[in-house]
Amino acid sequence: MTSEPGPRRRRGRWWGIAATIIASAGILAVGAVAVLGYTVDPLWGWMLFVAFPFSIAVGAIGGVLGVVGVFVARADRGGYAWPVVALVLGWGQVLLGNGFLNGWFI
């Protein structure tokens, strides 16, 4: 007799989903300030100086959680999609936000 295998563990998937949600918060903050600046009042543009550092910090946290998700997915032999999405979103925010604040894109 053979026993059925146990349920597959999906911890990496949940780490990746949580990291993607956290990294998306920074994108939403910058997007909301940009929309308010273009539609409601042009003076809202100064809020980007608050939103960009927030986006960089939240992106870094999401990227680190994405790295943890990749390692956990590797240990569980599970899917890597959500942790990799979190890595791309998080570190993309860090690189683009840092580049904008340092004057690389002006």
C-alpha atoms as a PDB file:
ATOM      1  CA  MET A   1       0.000   0.000   0.000  1.00  0.00           C
ATOM      2  CA  THR A   2       1.097   3.483  -0.746  1.00  0.00           C
ATOM      3  CA  SER A   3      -0.086   6.506   1.089  1.00  0.00           C
ATOM      4  CA  GLU A   4      -1.204   9.672  -0.624  1.00  0.00           C
ATOM      5  CA  PRO A   5       1.212  12.551  -0.528  1.00  0.00           C
ATOM      6  CA  GLY A   6       0.431  15.360   1.880  1.00  0.00           C
ATOM      7  CA  PRO A   7      -0.840  18.716   0.730  1.00  0.00           C
ATOM      8  CA  ARG A   8       1.711  20.970  -0.926  1.00  0.00           C
ATOM      9  CA  ARG A   9       2.822  23.897   1.144  1.00  0.00           C
ATOM     10  CA  ARG A  10       2.222  27.283  -0.430  1.00  0.00           C
ATOM     11  CA  ARG A  11       4.087  29.580   1.931  1.00  0.00           C
ATOM     12  CA  GLY A  12       6.127  31.205  -0.856  1.00  0.00           C
ATOM     13  CA  ARG A  13       2.954  32.117  -2.677  1.00  0.00           C
ATOM     14  CA  TRP A  14       1.536  33.930   0.352  1.00  0.00           C
ATOM     15  CA  TRP A  15       4.819  35.720   1.027  1.00  0.00           C
ATOM     16  CA  GLY A  16       4.771  36.861  -2.598  1.00  0.00           C
ATOM     17  CA  ILE A  17       1.157  38.051  -2.476  1.00  0.00           C
ATOM     18  CA  ALA A  18       1.797  40.005   0.730  1.00  0.00           C
ATOM     19  CA  ALA A  19       4.964  41.538  -0.732  1.00  0.00           C
ATOM     20  CA  THR A  20       3.138  42.509  -3.945  1.00  0.00           C
ATOM     21  CA  ILE A  21       0.377  44.224  -1.978  1.00  0.00           C
ATOM     22  CA  ILE A  22       2.916  46.134   0.096  1.00  0.00           C
ATOM     23  CA  ALA A  23       4.952  47.155  -2.968  1.00  0.00           C
ATOM     24  CA  SER A  24       1.774  48.256  -4.769  1.00  0.00           C
ATOM     25  CA  ALA A  25       0.999  50.707  -1.947  1.00  0.00           C
ATOM     26  CA  GLY A  26       3.947  52.851  -2.997  1.00  0.00           C
ATOM     27  CA  ILE A  27       2.846  52.883  -6.633  1.00  0.00           C
ATOM     28  CA  LEU A  28      -0.676  53.854  -5.613  1.00  0.00           C
ATOM     29  CA  ALA A  29       0.585  56.720  -3.446  1.00  0.00           C
ATOM     30  CA  VAL A  30       2.625  58.253  -6.271  1.00  0.00           C
ATOM     31  CA  GLY A  31      -0.217  57.654  -8.717  1.00  0.00           C
ATOM     32  CA  ALA A  32      -2.764  59.328  -6.458  1.00  0.00           C
ATOM     33  CA  VAL A  33      -0.567  62.396  -5.979  1.00  0.00           C
ATOM     34  CA  ALA A  34       0.103  62.612  -9.723  1.00  0.00           C
ATOM     35  CA  VAL A  35      -3.612  62.396 -10.554  1.00  0.00           C
ATOM     36  CA  LEU A  36      -4.450  65.030  -7.947  1.00  0.00           C
ATOM     37  CA  GLY A  37      -1.703  67.277  -9.277  1.00  0.00           C
ATOM     38  CA  TYR A  38      -2.895  67.032 -12.869  1.00  0.00           C
ATOM     39  CA  THR A  39      -6.634  67.292 -12.248  1.00  0.00           C
ATOM     40  CA  VAL A  40      -7.485  69.097  -9.027  1.00  0.00           C
ATOM     41  CA  ASP A  41      -4.737  71.607  -8.370  1.00  0.00           C
ATOM     42  CA  PRO A  42      -1.205  71.931  -9.788  1.00  0.00           C
ATOM     43  CA  LEU A  43       0.032  72.847  -6.325  1.00  0.00           C
ATOM     44  CA  TRP A  44      -0.397  69.203  -5.298  1.00  0.00           C
ATOM     45  CA  GLY A  45       2.855  68.479  -7.130  1.00  0.00           C
ATOM     46  CA  TRP A  46       4.917  69.295  -4.050  1.00  0.00           C
ATOM     47  CA  MET A  47       3.405  66.220  -2.389  1.00  0.00           C
ATOM     48  CA  LEU A  48       5.574  64.109  -4.690  1.00  0.00           C
ATOM     49  CA  PHE A  49       8.474  64.993  -2.402  1.00  0.00           C
ATOM     50  CA  VAL A  50       6.595  63.119   0.314  1.00  0.00           C
ATOM     51  CA  ALA A  51       5.257  60.345  -1.907  1.00  0.00           C
ATOM     52  CA  PHE A  52       8.576  59.414  -3.558  1.00  0.00           C
ATOM     53  CA  PRO A  53      10.476  58.621  -0.336  1.00  0.00           C
ATOM     54  CA  PHE A  54       7.415  56.710   0.896  1.00  0.00           C
ATOM     55  CA  SER A  55       7.371  54.791  -2.380  1.00  0.00           C
ATOM     56  CA  ILE A  56      11.079  54.002  -2.113  1.00  0.00           C
ATOM     57  CA  ALA A  57      10.718  52.762   1.476  1.00  0.00           C
ATOM     58  CA  VAL A  58       7.648  50.660   0.772  1.00  0.00           C
ATOM     59  CA  GLY A  59       9.247  49.298  -2.410  1.00  0.00           C
ATOM     60  CA  ALA A  60      12.334  48.246  -0.466  1.00  0.00           C
ATOM     61  CA  ILE A  61      10.182  46.468   2.118  1.00  0.00           C
ATOM     62  CA  GLY A  62       8.196  44.743  -0.640  1.00  0.00           C
ATOM     63  CA  GLY A  63      11.412  43.731  -2.399  1.00  0.00           C
ATOM     64  CA  VAL A  64      12.887  42.226   0.763  1.00  0.00           C
ATOM     65  CA  LEU A  65       9.671  40.315   1.421  1.00  0.00           C
ATOM     66  CA  GLY A  66       9.804  39.145  -2.208  1.00  0.00           C
ATOM     67  CA  VAL A  67      13.315  37.777  -1.637  1.00  0.00           C
ATOM     68  CA  VAL A  68      12.050  35.932   1.436  1.00  0.00           C
ATOM     69  CA  GLY A  69       9.176  34.609  -0.692  1.00  0.00           C
ATOM     70  CA  VAL A  70      11.576  33.309  -3.352  1.00  0.00           C
ATOM     71  CA  PHE A  71      13.630  31.456  -0.749  1.00  0.00           C
ATOM     72  CA  VAL A  72      10.523  30.003   0.889  1.00  0.00           C
ATOM     73  CA  ALA A  73       9.119  28.983  -2.514  1.00  0.00           C
ATOM     74  CA  ARG A  74      12.433  27.293  -3.287  1.00  0.00           C
ATOM     75  CA  ALA A  75      12.289  25.370  -0.012  1.00  0.00           C
ATOM     76  CA  ASP A  76       8.669  24.335  -0.659  1.00  0.00           C
ATOM     77  CA  ARG A  77       9.322  23.565  -4.329  1.00  0.00           C
ATOM     78  CA  GLY A  78       6.395  25.824  -5.188  1.00  0.00           C
ATOM     79  CA  GLY A  79       5.630  28.577  -7.643  1.00  0.00           C
ATOM     80  CA  TYR A  80       7.825  31.625  -7.969  1.00  0.00           C
ATOM     81  CA  ALA A  81       5.412  33.974  -9.782  1.00  0.00           C
ATOM     82  CA  TRP A  82       4.171  36.157  -6.916  1.00  0.00           C
ATOM     83  CA  PRO A  83       7.548  36.575  -5.200  1.00  0.00           C
ATOM     84  CA  VAL A  84       9.183  37.547  -8.510  1.00  0.00           C
ATOM     85  CA  VAL A  85       6.412  40.070  -9.233  1.00  0.00           C
ATOM     86  CA  ALA A  86       7.039  41.590  -5.805  1.00  0.00           C
ATOM     87  CA  LEU A  87      10.775  41.750  -6.497  1.00  0.00           C
ATOM     88  CA  VAL A  88      10.252  43.540  -9.802  1.00  0.00           C
ATOM     89  CA  LEU A  89       7.739  46.005  -8.344  1.00  0.00           C
ATOM     90  CA  GLY A  90       9.725  46.681  -5.195  1.00  0.00           C
ATOM     91  CA  TRP A  91      13.178  47.123  -6.619  1.00  0.00           C
ATOM     92  CA  GLY A  92      11.813  48.909  -9.684  1.00  0.00           C
ATOM     93  CA  GLN A  93      10.334  51.510  -7.353  1.00  0.00           C
ATOM     94  CA  VAL A  94      13.591  51.818  -5.484  1.00  0.00           C
ATOM     95  CA  LEU A  95      15.663  52.302  -8.632  1.00  0.00           C
ATOM     96  CA  LEU A  96      13.270  54.649 -10.424  1.00  0.00           C
ATOM     97  CA  GLY A  97      12.443  56.694  -7.327  1.00  0.00           C
ATOM     98  CA  ASN A  98      16.088  57.037  -6.391  1.00  0.00           C
ATOM     99  CA  GLY A  99      16.969  57.975  -9.944  1.00  0.00           C
ATOM    100  CA  PHE A 100      14.303  60.647 -10.060  1.00  0.00           C
ATOM    101  CA  LEU A 101      15.267  62.130  -6.701  1.00  0.00           C
ATOM    102  CA  ASN A 102      18.971  62.134  -7.642  1.00  0.00           C
ATOM    103  CA  GLY A 103      18.289  63.878 -10.954  1.00  0.00           C
ATOM    104  CA  TRP A 104      19.133  60.996 -13.300  1.00  0.00           C
ATOM    105  CA  PHE A 105      15.866  61.333 -15.266  1.00  0.00           C
ATOM    106  CA  ILE A 106      15.639  65.101 -15.615  1.00  0.00           C
END
